[in-house]
PDB file of N, CA and C in Angstrom:
ATOM      1  N   MET A   1       0.846  -1.176   0.000  1.00  0.00           N
ATOM      2  CA  MET A   1       0.000   0.000   0.000  1.00  0.00           C
ATOM      3  C   MET A   1       0.889   1.235   0.000  1.00  0.00           C
ATOM      4  N   LYS A   2       0.645   2.098  -0.932  1.00  0.00           N
ATOM      5  CA  LYS A   2       1.424   3.330  -1.044  1.00  0.00           C
ATOM      6  C   LYS A   2       0.769   4.430  -0.210  1.00  0.00           C
ATOM      7  N   VAL A   3       1.543   5.042   0.657  1.00  0.00           N
ATOM      8  CA  VAL A   3       1.053   6.139   1.485  1.00  0.00           C
ATOM      9  C   VAL A   3       1.579   7.439   0.903  1.00  0.00           C
ATOM     10  N   GLU A   4       0.666   8.309   0.551  1.00  0.00           N
ATOM     11  CA  GLU A   4       1.056   9.582  -0.019  1.00  0.00           C
ATOM     12  C   GLU A   4       1.101  10.662   1.052  1.00  0.00           C
ATOM     13  N   LYS A   5       1.668  11.794   0.689  1.00  0.00           N
ATOM     14  CA  LYS A   5       1.900  12.893   1.626  1.00  0.00           C
ATOM     15  C   LYS A   5       0.614  13.362   2.307  1.00  0.00           C
ATOM     16  N   GLU A   6      -0.464  13.554   1.544  1.00  0.00           N
ATOM     17  CA  GLU A   6      -1.713  14.057   2.103  1.00  0.00           C
ATOM     18  C   GLU A   6      -2.294  13.097   3.134  1.00  0.00           C
ATOM     19  N   GLU A   7      -2.184  11.808   2.868  1.00  0.00           N
ATOM     20  CA  GLU A   7      -2.718  10.811   3.785  1.00  0.00           C
ATOM     21  C   GLU A   7      -1.937  10.793   5.089  1.00  0.00           C
ATOM     22  N   ALA A   8      -0.623  10.893   4.988  1.00  0.00           N
ATOM     23  CA  ALA A   8       0.210  10.921   6.197  1.00  0.00           C
ATOM     24  C   ALA A   8      -0.077  12.168   7.022  1.00  0.00           C
ATOM     25  N   ILE A   9      -0.261  13.295   6.357  1.00  0.00           N
ATOM     26  CA  ILE A   9      -0.575  14.539   7.073  1.00  0.00           C
ATOM     27  C   ILE A   9      -1.922  14.420   7.782  1.00  0.00           C
ATOM     28  N   ALA A  10      -2.915  13.839   7.110  1.00  0.00           N
ATOM     29  CA  ALA A  10      -4.233  13.685   7.720  1.00  0.00           C
ATOM     30  C   ALA A  10      -4.172  12.787   8.952  1.00  0.00           C
ATOM     31  N   GLY A  11      -3.420  11.697   8.867  1.00  0.00           N
ATOM     32  CA  GLY A  11      -3.275  10.800  10.020  1.00  0.00           C
ATOM     33  C   GLY A  11      -2.572  11.475  11.178  1.00  0.00           C
ATOM     34  N   ALA A  12      -1.505  12.209  10.886  1.00  0.00           N
ATOM     35  CA  ALA A  12      -0.765  12.896  11.947  1.00  0.00           C
ATOM     36  C   ALA A  12      -1.597  14.007  12.576  1.00  0.00           C
ATOM     37  N   THR A  13      -2.371  14.704  11.763  1.00  0.00           N
ATOM     38  CA  THR A  13      -3.225  15.769  12.287  1.00  0.00           C
ATOM     39  C   THR A  13      -4.290  15.196  13.214  1.00  0.00           C
ATOM     40  N   GLY A  14      -4.914  14.105  12.805  1.00  0.00           N
ATOM     41  CA  GLY A  14      -5.927  13.477  13.658  1.00  0.00           C
ATOM     42  C   GLY A  14      -5.349  13.032  14.984  1.00  0.00           C
ATOM     43  N   ALA A  15      -4.175  12.436  14.947  1.00  0.00           N
ATOM     44  CA  ALA A  15      -3.528  11.998  16.188  1.00  0.00           C
ATOM     45  C   ALA A  15      -3.147  13.196  17.044  1.00  0.00           C
ATOM     46  N   GLY A  16      -2.647  14.253  16.416  1.00  0.00           N
ATOM     47  CA  GLY A  16      -2.269  15.450  17.166  1.00  0.00           C
ATOM     48  C   GLY A  16      -3.449  16.094  17.849  1.00  0.00           C
ATOM     49  N   ILE A  17      -4.587  16.125  17.176  1.00  0.00           N
ATOM     50  CA  ILE A  17      -5.793  16.692  17.778  1.00  0.00           C
ATOM     51  C   ILE A  17      -6.210  15.864  18.989  1.00  0.00           C
ATOM     52  N   GLY A  18      -6.130  14.554  18.882  1.00  0.00           N
ATOM     53  CA  GLY A  18      -6.479  13.693  20.017  1.00  0.00           C
ATOM     54  C   GLY A  18      -5.566  13.903  21.208  1.00  0.00           C
ATOM     55  N   VAL A  19      -4.276  14.003  20.953  1.00  0.00           N
ATOM     56  CA  VAL A  19      -3.306  14.229  22.034  1.00  0.00           C
ATOM     57  C   VAL A  19      -3.546  15.593  22.678  1.00  0.00           C
ATOM     58  N   ALA A  20      -3.792  16.611  21.852  1.00  0.00           N
ATOM     59  CA  ALA A  20      -4.045  17.950  22.391  1.00  0.00           C
ATOM     60  C   ALA A  20      -5.319  17.963  23.239  1.00  0.00           C
ATOM     61  N   GLY A  21      -6.336  17.267  22.790  1.00  0.00           N
ATOM     62  CA  GLY A  21      -7.592  17.208  23.546  1.00  0.00           C
ATOM     63  C   GLY A  21      -7.415  16.555  24.901  1.00  0.00           C
ATOM     64  N   VAL A  22      -6.653  15.485  24.945  1.00  0.00           N
ATOM     65  CA  VAL A  22      -6.383  14.813  26.226  1.00  0.00           C
ATOM     66  C   VAL A  22      -5.534  15.710  27.103  1.00  0.00           C
ATOM     67  N   GLY A  23      -4.531  16.366  26.522  1.00  0.00           N
ATOM     68  CA  GLY A  23      -3.655  17.237  27.298  1.00  0.00           C
ATOM     69  C   GLY A  23      -4.393  18.418  27.899  1.00  0.00           C
ATOM     70  N   ILE A  24      -5.275  19.034  27.131  1.00  0.00           N
ATOM     71  CA  ILE A  24      -6.047  20.170  27.637  1.00  0.00           C
ATOM     72  C   ILE A  24      -7.000  19.719  28.729  1.00  0.00           C
ATOM     73  N   GLY A  25      -7.523  18.515  28.600  1.00  0.00           N
ATOM     74  CA  GLY A  25      -8.466  18.003  29.599  1.00  0.00           C
ATOM     75  C   GLY A  25      -7.851  17.821  30.972  1.00  0.00           C
ATOM     76  N   VAL A  26      -6.552  17.542  31.048  1.00  0.00           N
ATOM     77  CA  VAL A  26      -5.925  17.296  32.350  1.00  0.00           C
ATOM     78  C   VAL A  26      -4.995  18.424  32.780  1.00  0.00           C
ATOM     79  N   MET A  27      -4.941  19.500  32.011  1.00  0.00           N
ATOM     80  CA  MET A  27      -4.050  20.601  32.340  1.00  0.00           C
ATOM     81  C   MET A  27      -4.450  21.205  33.681  1.00  0.00           C
ATOM     82  N   GLY A  28      -3.529  21.279  34.579  1.00  0.00           N
ATOM     83  CA  GLY A  28      -3.785  21.865  35.890  1.00  0.00           C
ATOM     84  C   GLY A  28      -4.448  20.924  36.882  1.00  0.00           C
ATOM     85  N   ALA A  29      -4.671  19.689  36.490  1.00  0.00           N
ATOM     86  CA  ALA A  29      -5.322  18.738  37.390  1.00  0.00           C
ATOM     87  C   ALA A  29      -4.283  18.060  38.274  1.00  0.00           C
ATOM     88  N   ASN A  30      -4.703  17.714  39.472  1.00  0.00           N
ATOM     89  CA  ASN A  30      -3.791  17.003  40.367  1.00  0.00           C
ATOM     90  C   ASN A  30      -3.930  15.488  40.156  1.00  0.00           C
ATOM     91  N   ALA A  31      -3.122  14.733  40.855  1.00  0.00           N
ATOM     92  CA  ALA A  31      -3.097  13.274  40.669  1.00  0.00           C
ATOM     93  C   ALA A  31      -4.453  12.634  40.987  1.00  0.00           C
ATOM     94  N   ALA A  32      -5.120  13.122  42.018  1.00  0.00           N
ATOM     95  CA  ALA A  32      -6.424  12.548  42.378  1.00  0.00           C
ATOM     96  C   ALA A  32      -7.448  12.785  41.267  1.00  0.00           C
ATOM     97  N   ALA A  33      -7.415  13.964  40.672  1.00  0.00           N
ATOM     98  CA  ALA A  33      -8.360  14.267  39.594  1.00  0.00           C
ATOM     99  C   ALA A  33      -8.075  13.403  38.364  1.00  0.00           C
ATOM    100  N   MET A  34      -6.796  13.228  38.030  1.00  0.00           N
ATOM    101  CA  MET A  34      -6.451  12.394  36.873  1.00  0.00           C
ATOM    102  C   MET A  34      -6.822  10.936  37.120  1.00  0.00           C
ATOM    103  N   THR A  35      -6.544  10.449  38.314  1.00  0.00           N
ATOM    104  CA  THR A  35      -6.887   9.067  38.652  1.00  0.00           C
ATOM    105  C   THR A  35      -8.392   8.864  38.587  1.00  0.00           C
ATOM    106  N   GLY A  36      -9.131   9.813  39.147  1.00  0.00           N
ATOM    107  CA  GLY A  36     -10.592   9.726  39.107  1.00  0.00           C
ATOM    108  C   GLY A  36     -11.125   9.770  37.684  1.00  0.00           C
ATOM    109  N   GLY A  37     -10.542  10.626  36.855  1.00  0.00           N
ATOM    110  CA  GLY A  37     -10.968  10.716  35.458  1.00  0.00           C
ATOM    111  C   GLY A  37     -10.698   9.438  34.686  1.00  0.00           C
ATOM    112  N   LEU A  38      -9.519   8.864  34.903  1.00  0.00           N
ATOM    113  CA  LEU A  38      -9.192   7.598  34.227  1.00  0.00           C
ATOM    114  C   LEU A  38     -10.092   6.465  34.717  1.00  0.00           C
ATOM    115  N   ALA A  39     -10.367   6.443  36.012  1.00  0.00           N
ATOM    116  CA  ALA A  39     -11.257   5.410  36.557  1.00  0.00           C
ATOM    117  C   ALA A  39     -12.672   5.571  36.008  1.00  0.00           C
ATOM    118  N   ALA A  40     -13.136   6.825  35.895  1.00  0.00           N
ATOM    119  CA  ALA A  40     -14.475   7.068  35.350  1.00  0.00           C
ATOM    120  C   ALA A  40     -14.539   6.666  33.876  1.00  0.00           C
ATOM    121  N   THR A  41     -13.491   6.988  33.127  1.00  0.00           N
ATOM    122  CA  THR A  41     -13.444   6.596  31.720  1.00  0.00           C
ATOM    123  C   THR A  41     -13.434   5.074  31.602  1.00  0.00           C
ATOM    124  N   GLY A  42     -12.658   4.420  32.449  1.00  0.00           N
ATOM    125  CA  GLY A  42     -12.614   2.961  32.437  1.00  0.00           C
ATOM    126  C   GLY A  42     -13.947   2.340  32.808  1.00  0.00           C
ATOM    127  N   ALA A  43     -14.662   2.986  33.725  1.00  0.00           N
ATOM    128  CA  ALA A  43     -15.965   2.462  34.138  1.00  0.00           C
ATOM    129  C   ALA A  43     -16.965   2.513  32.994  1.00  0.00           C
ATOM    130  N   VAL A  44     -16.846   3.504  32.127  1.00  0.00           N
ATOM    131  CA  VAL A  44     -17.751   3.621  30.983  1.00  0.00           C
ATOM    132  C   VAL A  44     -17.586   2.421  30.047  1.00  0.00           C
ATOM    133  N   VAL A  45     -16.357   1.937  29.889  1.00  0.00           N
ATOM    134  CA  VAL A  45     -16.121   0.801  29.005  1.00  0.00           C
ATOM    135  C   VAL A  45     -16.084  -0.525  29.766  1.00  0.00           C
ATOM    136  N   GLY A  46     -16.510  -0.518  31.004  1.00  0.00           N
ATOM    137  CA  GLY A  46     -16.661  -1.746  31.765  1.00  0.00           C
ATOM    138  C   GLY A  46     -15.432  -2.199  32.524  1.00  0.00           C
ATOM    139  N   GLY A  47     -14.566  -1.297  32.930  1.00  0.00           N
ATOM    140  CA  GLY A  47     -13.370  -1.667  33.675  1.00  0.00           C
ATOM    141  C   GLY A  47     -13.017  -0.615  34.696  1.00  0.00           C
ATOM    142  N   GLY A  48     -11.761  -0.563  35.045  1.00  0.00           N
ATOM    143  CA  GLY A  48     -11.293   0.404  36.025  1.00  0.00           C
ATOM    144  C   GLY A  48     -10.311   1.372  35.407  1.00  0.00           C
ATOM    145  N   MET A  49      -9.390   1.824  36.236  1.00  0.00           N
ATOM    146  CA  MET A  49      -8.429   2.831  35.796  1.00  0.00           C
ATOM    147  C   MET A  49      -7.534   2.314  34.655  1.00  0.00           C
ATOM    148  N   ALA A  50      -7.114   1.064  34.730  1.00  0.00           N
ATOM    149  CA  ALA A  50      -6.242   0.511  33.688  1.00  0.00           C
ATOM    150  C   ALA A  50      -6.928   0.543  32.325  1.00  0.00           C
ATOM    151  N   LEU A  51      -8.194   0.186  32.288  1.00  0.00           N
ATOM    152  CA  LEU A  51      -8.934   0.237  31.033  1.00  0.00           C
ATOM    153  C   LEU A  51      -9.165   1.685  30.600  1.00  0.00           C
ATOM    154  N   GLY A  52      -9.270   2.591  31.573  1.00  0.00           N
ATOM    155  CA  GLY A  52      -9.379   4.013  31.262  1.00  0.00           C
ATOM    156  C   GLY A  52      -8.129   4.526  30.577  1.00  0.00           C
ATOM    157  N   ILE A  53      -6.966   4.078  31.029  1.00  0.00           N
ATOM    158  CA  ILE A  53      -5.701   4.468  30.400  1.00  0.00           C
ATOM    159  C   ILE A  53      -5.666   3.974  28.960  1.00  0.00           C
ATOM    160  N   VAL A  54      -6.094   2.741  28.739  1.00  0.00           N
ATOM    161  CA  VAL A  54      -6.121   2.182  27.378  1.00  0.00           C
ATOM    162  C   VAL A  54      -7.071   2.980  26.490  1.00  0.00           C
ATOM    163  N   ALA A  55      -8.251   3.316  27.021  1.00  0.00           N
ATOM    164  CA  ALA A  55      -9.237   4.065  26.236  1.00  0.00           C
ATOM    165  C   ALA A  55      -8.716   5.451  25.874  1.00  0.00           C
ATOM    166  N   VAL A  56      -8.075   6.129  26.824  1.00  0.00           N
ATOM    167  CA  VAL A  56      -7.547   7.471  26.575  1.00  0.00           C
ATOM    168  C   VAL A  56      -6.363   7.400  25.608  1.00  0.00           C
ATOM    169  N   ALA A  57      -5.536   6.390  25.730  1.00  0.00           N
ATOM    170  CA  ALA A  57      -4.378   6.247  24.839  1.00  0.00           C
ATOM    171  C   ALA A  57      -4.810   5.881  23.423  1.00  0.00           C
ATOM    172  N   ALA A  58      -5.923   5.182  23.279  1.00  0.00           N
ATOM    173  CA  ALA A  58      -6.386   4.745  21.962  1.00  0.00           C
ATOM    174  C   ALA A  58      -7.027   5.880  21.164  1.00  0.00           C
ATOM    175  N   THR A  59      -7.477   6.918  21.842  1.00  0.00           N
ATOM    176  CA  THR A  59      -8.180   8.007  21.158  1.00  0.00           C
ATOM    177  C   THR A  59      -7.353   8.636  20.032  1.00  0.00           C
ATOM    178  N   PRO A  60      -6.102   9.054  20.272  1.00  0.00           N
ATOM    179  CA  PRO A  60      -5.325   9.635  19.168  1.00  0.00           C
ATOM    180  C   PRO A  60      -5.086   8.646  18.024  1.00  0.00           C
ATOM    181  N   LEU A  61      -4.934   7.376  18.359  1.00  0.00           N
ATOM    182  CA  LEU A  61      -4.722   6.369  17.316  1.00  0.00           C
ATOM    183  C   LEU A  61      -5.950   6.233  16.431  1.00  0.00           C
ATOM    184  N   VAL A  62      -7.111   6.225  17.045  1.00  0.00           N
ATOM    185  CA  VAL A  62      -8.355   6.103  16.281  1.00  0.00           C
ATOM    186  C   VAL A  62      -8.573   7.337  15.414  1.00  0.00           C
ATOM    187  N   LEU A  63      -8.334   8.527  15.970  1.00  0.00           N
ATOM    188  CA  LEU A  63      -8.499   9.751  15.190  1.00  0.00           C
ATOM    189  C   LEU A  63      -7.516   9.797  14.021  1.00  0.00           C
ATOM    190  N   GLY A  64      -6.285   9.386  14.258  1.00  0.00           N
ATOM    191  CA  GLY A  64      -5.295   9.367  13.185  1.00  0.00           C
ATOM    192  C   GLY A  64      -5.671   8.390  12.077  1.00  0.00           C
ATOM    193  N   ALA A  65      -6.096   7.203  12.466  1.00  0.00           N
ATOM    194  CA  ALA A  65      -6.497   6.199  11.472  1.00  0.00           C
ATOM    195  C   ALA A  65      -7.728   6.653  10.698  1.00  0.00           C
ATOM    196  N   THR A  66      -8.653   7.327  11.366  1.00  0.00           N
ATOM    197  CA  THR A  66      -9.854   7.828  10.705  1.00  0.00           C
ATOM    198  C   THR A  66      -9.501   8.907   9.683  1.00  0.00           C
ATOM    199  N   GLY A  67      -8.628   9.822  10.069  1.00  0.00           N
ATOM    200  CA  GLY A  67      -8.198  10.861   9.130  1.00  0.00           C
ATOM    201  C   GLY A  67      -7.493  10.275   7.929  1.00  0.00           C
ATOM    202  N   PHE A  68      -6.613   9.323   8.160  1.00  0.00           N
ATOM    203  CA  PHE A  68      -5.892   8.654   7.077  1.00  0.00           C
ATOM    204  C   PHE A  68      -6.863   7.965   6.129  1.00  0.00           C
ATOM    205  N   ALA A  69      -7.811   7.215   6.698  1.00  0.00           N
ATOM    206  CA  ALA A  69      -8.769   6.477   5.877  1.00  0.00           C
ATOM    207  C   ALA A  69      -9.672   7.419   5.093  1.00  0.00           C
ATOM    208  N   ALA A  70     -10.078   8.529   5.711  1.00  0.00           N
ATOM    209  CA  ALA A  70     -10.953   9.480   5.021  1.00  0.00           C
ATOM    210  C   ALA A  70     -10.263  10.064   3.795  1.00  0.00           C
ATOM    211  N   VAL A  71      -9.008  10.436   3.931  1.00  0.00           N
ATOM    212  CA  VAL A  71      -8.279  10.983   2.792  1.00  0.00           C
ATOM    213  C   VAL A  71      -8.079   9.918   1.721  1.00  0.00           C
ATOM    214  N   LYS A  72      -7.764   8.709   2.140  1.00  0.00           N
ATOM    215  CA  LYS A  72      -7.560   7.605   1.194  1.00  0.00           C
ATOM    216  C   LYS A  72      -8.838   7.332   0.386  1.00  0.00           C
ATOM    217  N   VAL A  73      -9.980   7.286   1.067  1.00  0.00           N
ATOM    218  CA  VAL A  73     -11.255   7.033   0.394  1.00  0.00           C
ATOM    219  C   VAL A  73     -11.609   8.189  -0.533  1.00  0.00           C
ATOM    220  N   TYR A  74     -11.401   9.413  -0.088  1.00  0.00           N
ATOM    221  CA  TYR A  74     -11.697  10.579  -0.931  1.00  0.00           C
ATOM    222  C   TYR A  74     -10.853  10.581  -2.202  1.00  0.00           C
ATOM    223  N   LYS A  75      -9.565  10.303  -2.045  1.00  0.00           N
ATOM    224  CA  LYS A  75      -8.686  10.284  -3.222  1.00  0.00           C
ATOM    225  C   LYS A  75      -9.091   9.168  -4.196  1.00  0.00           C
ATOM    226  N   LYS A  76      -9.494   8.020  -3.669  1.00  0.00           N
ATOM    227  CA  LYS A  76      -9.928   6.923  -4.534  1.00  0.00           C
ATOM    228  C   LYS A  76     -11.207   7.314  -5.281  1.00  0.00           C
ATOM    229  N   TYR A  77     -12.130   7.945  -4.566  1.00  0.00           N
ATOM    230  CA  TYR A  77     -13.373   8.407  -5.185  1.00  0.00           C
ATOM    231  C   TYR A  77     -13.077   9.429  -6.280  1.00  0.00           C
ATOM    232  N   LYS A  78     -12.208  10.383  -5.983  1.00  0.00           N
ATOM    233  CA  LYS A  78     -11.856  11.428  -6.937  1.00  0.00           C
ATOM    234  C   LYS A  78     -11.198  10.831  -8.183  1.00  0.00           C
ATOM    235  N   ASN A  79     -10.295   9.876  -7.990  1.00  0.00           N
ATOM    236  CA  ASN A  79      -9.620   9.233  -9.122  1.00  0.00           C
ATOM    237  C   ASN A  79     -10.593   8.417  -9.963  1.00  0.00           C
ATOM    238  N   ASN A  80     -11.520   7.705  -9.305  1.00  0.00           N
ATOM    239  CA  ASN A  80     -12.517   6.924 -10.048  1.00  0.00           C
ATOM    240  C   ASN A  80     -13.418   7.841 -10.866  1.00  0.00           C
ATOM    241  N   LYS A  81     -13.811   8.961 -10.271  1.00  0.00           N
ATOM    242  CA  LYS A  81     -14.666   9.924 -10.971  1.00  0.00           C
ATOM    243  C   LYS A  81     -13.928  10.488 -12.196  1.00  0.00           C
ATOM    244  N   ARG A  82     -12.650  10.822 -12.026  1.00  0.00           N
ATOM    245  CA  ARG A  82     -11.844  11.348 -13.131  1.00  0.00           C
ATOM    246  C   ARG A  82     -11.701  10.296 -14.230  1.00  0.00           C
ATOM    247  N   ASP A  83     -11.450   9.038 -13.835  1.00  0.00           N
ATOM    248  CA  ASP A  83     -11.292   7.956 -14.820  1.00  0.00           C
ATOM    249  C   ASP A  83     -12.571   7.733 -15.615  1.00  0.00           C
ATOM    250  N   ARG A  84     -13.729   7.813 -14.958  1.00  0.00           N
ATOM    251  CA  ARG A  84     -14.997   7.647 -15.661  1.00  0.00           C
ATOM    252  C   ARG A  84     -15.237   8.779 -16.641  1.00  0.00           C
ATOM    253  N   LYS A  85     -14.848   9.994 -16.247  1.00  0.00           N
ATOM    254  CA  LYS A  85     -15.006  11.147 -17.135  1.00  0.00           C
ATOM    255  C   LYS A  85     -14.135  10.997 -18.373  1.00  0.00           C
ATOM    256  N   GLU A  86     -12.904  10.530 -18.198  1.00  0.00           N
ATOM    257  CA  GLU A  86     -11.985  10.348 -19.307  1.00  0.00           C
ATOM    258  C   GLU A  86     -12.436   9.220 -20.227  1.00  0.00           C
ATOM    259  N   GLY A  87     -13.115   8.241 -19.665  1.00  0.00           N
ATOM    260  CA  GLY A  87     -13.582   7.100 -20.466  1.00  0.00           C
ATOM    261  C   GLY A  87     -14.772   7.407 -21.326  1.00  0.00           C
ATOM    262  N   ASN A  88     -15.543   8.424 -21.008  1.00  0.00           N
ATOM    263  CA  ASN A  88     -16.756   8.772 -21.775  1.00  0.00           C
ATOM    264  C   ASN A  88     -16.442   9.618 -22.970  1.00  0.00           C
TER     265      ASN A  88
END
């Protein structure tokens, strides 16, 4: 699979937004607040603090993969549309 510049930028941007969102959420928080937040996040997905850490860590990865896939699908759609136009 060939990864082009636009796709890599979209993936990195999505991951960066996720990291920034998590960082802003805990800015100025003390250890008790962070622990409570991770435990609450873990409870939402059916676990405790450890599962909360996994859920929070996975967010930038999911956003990056989504951005990458969106650009990849758009470029494929655009190329198919161009190819159909040239064929007519």
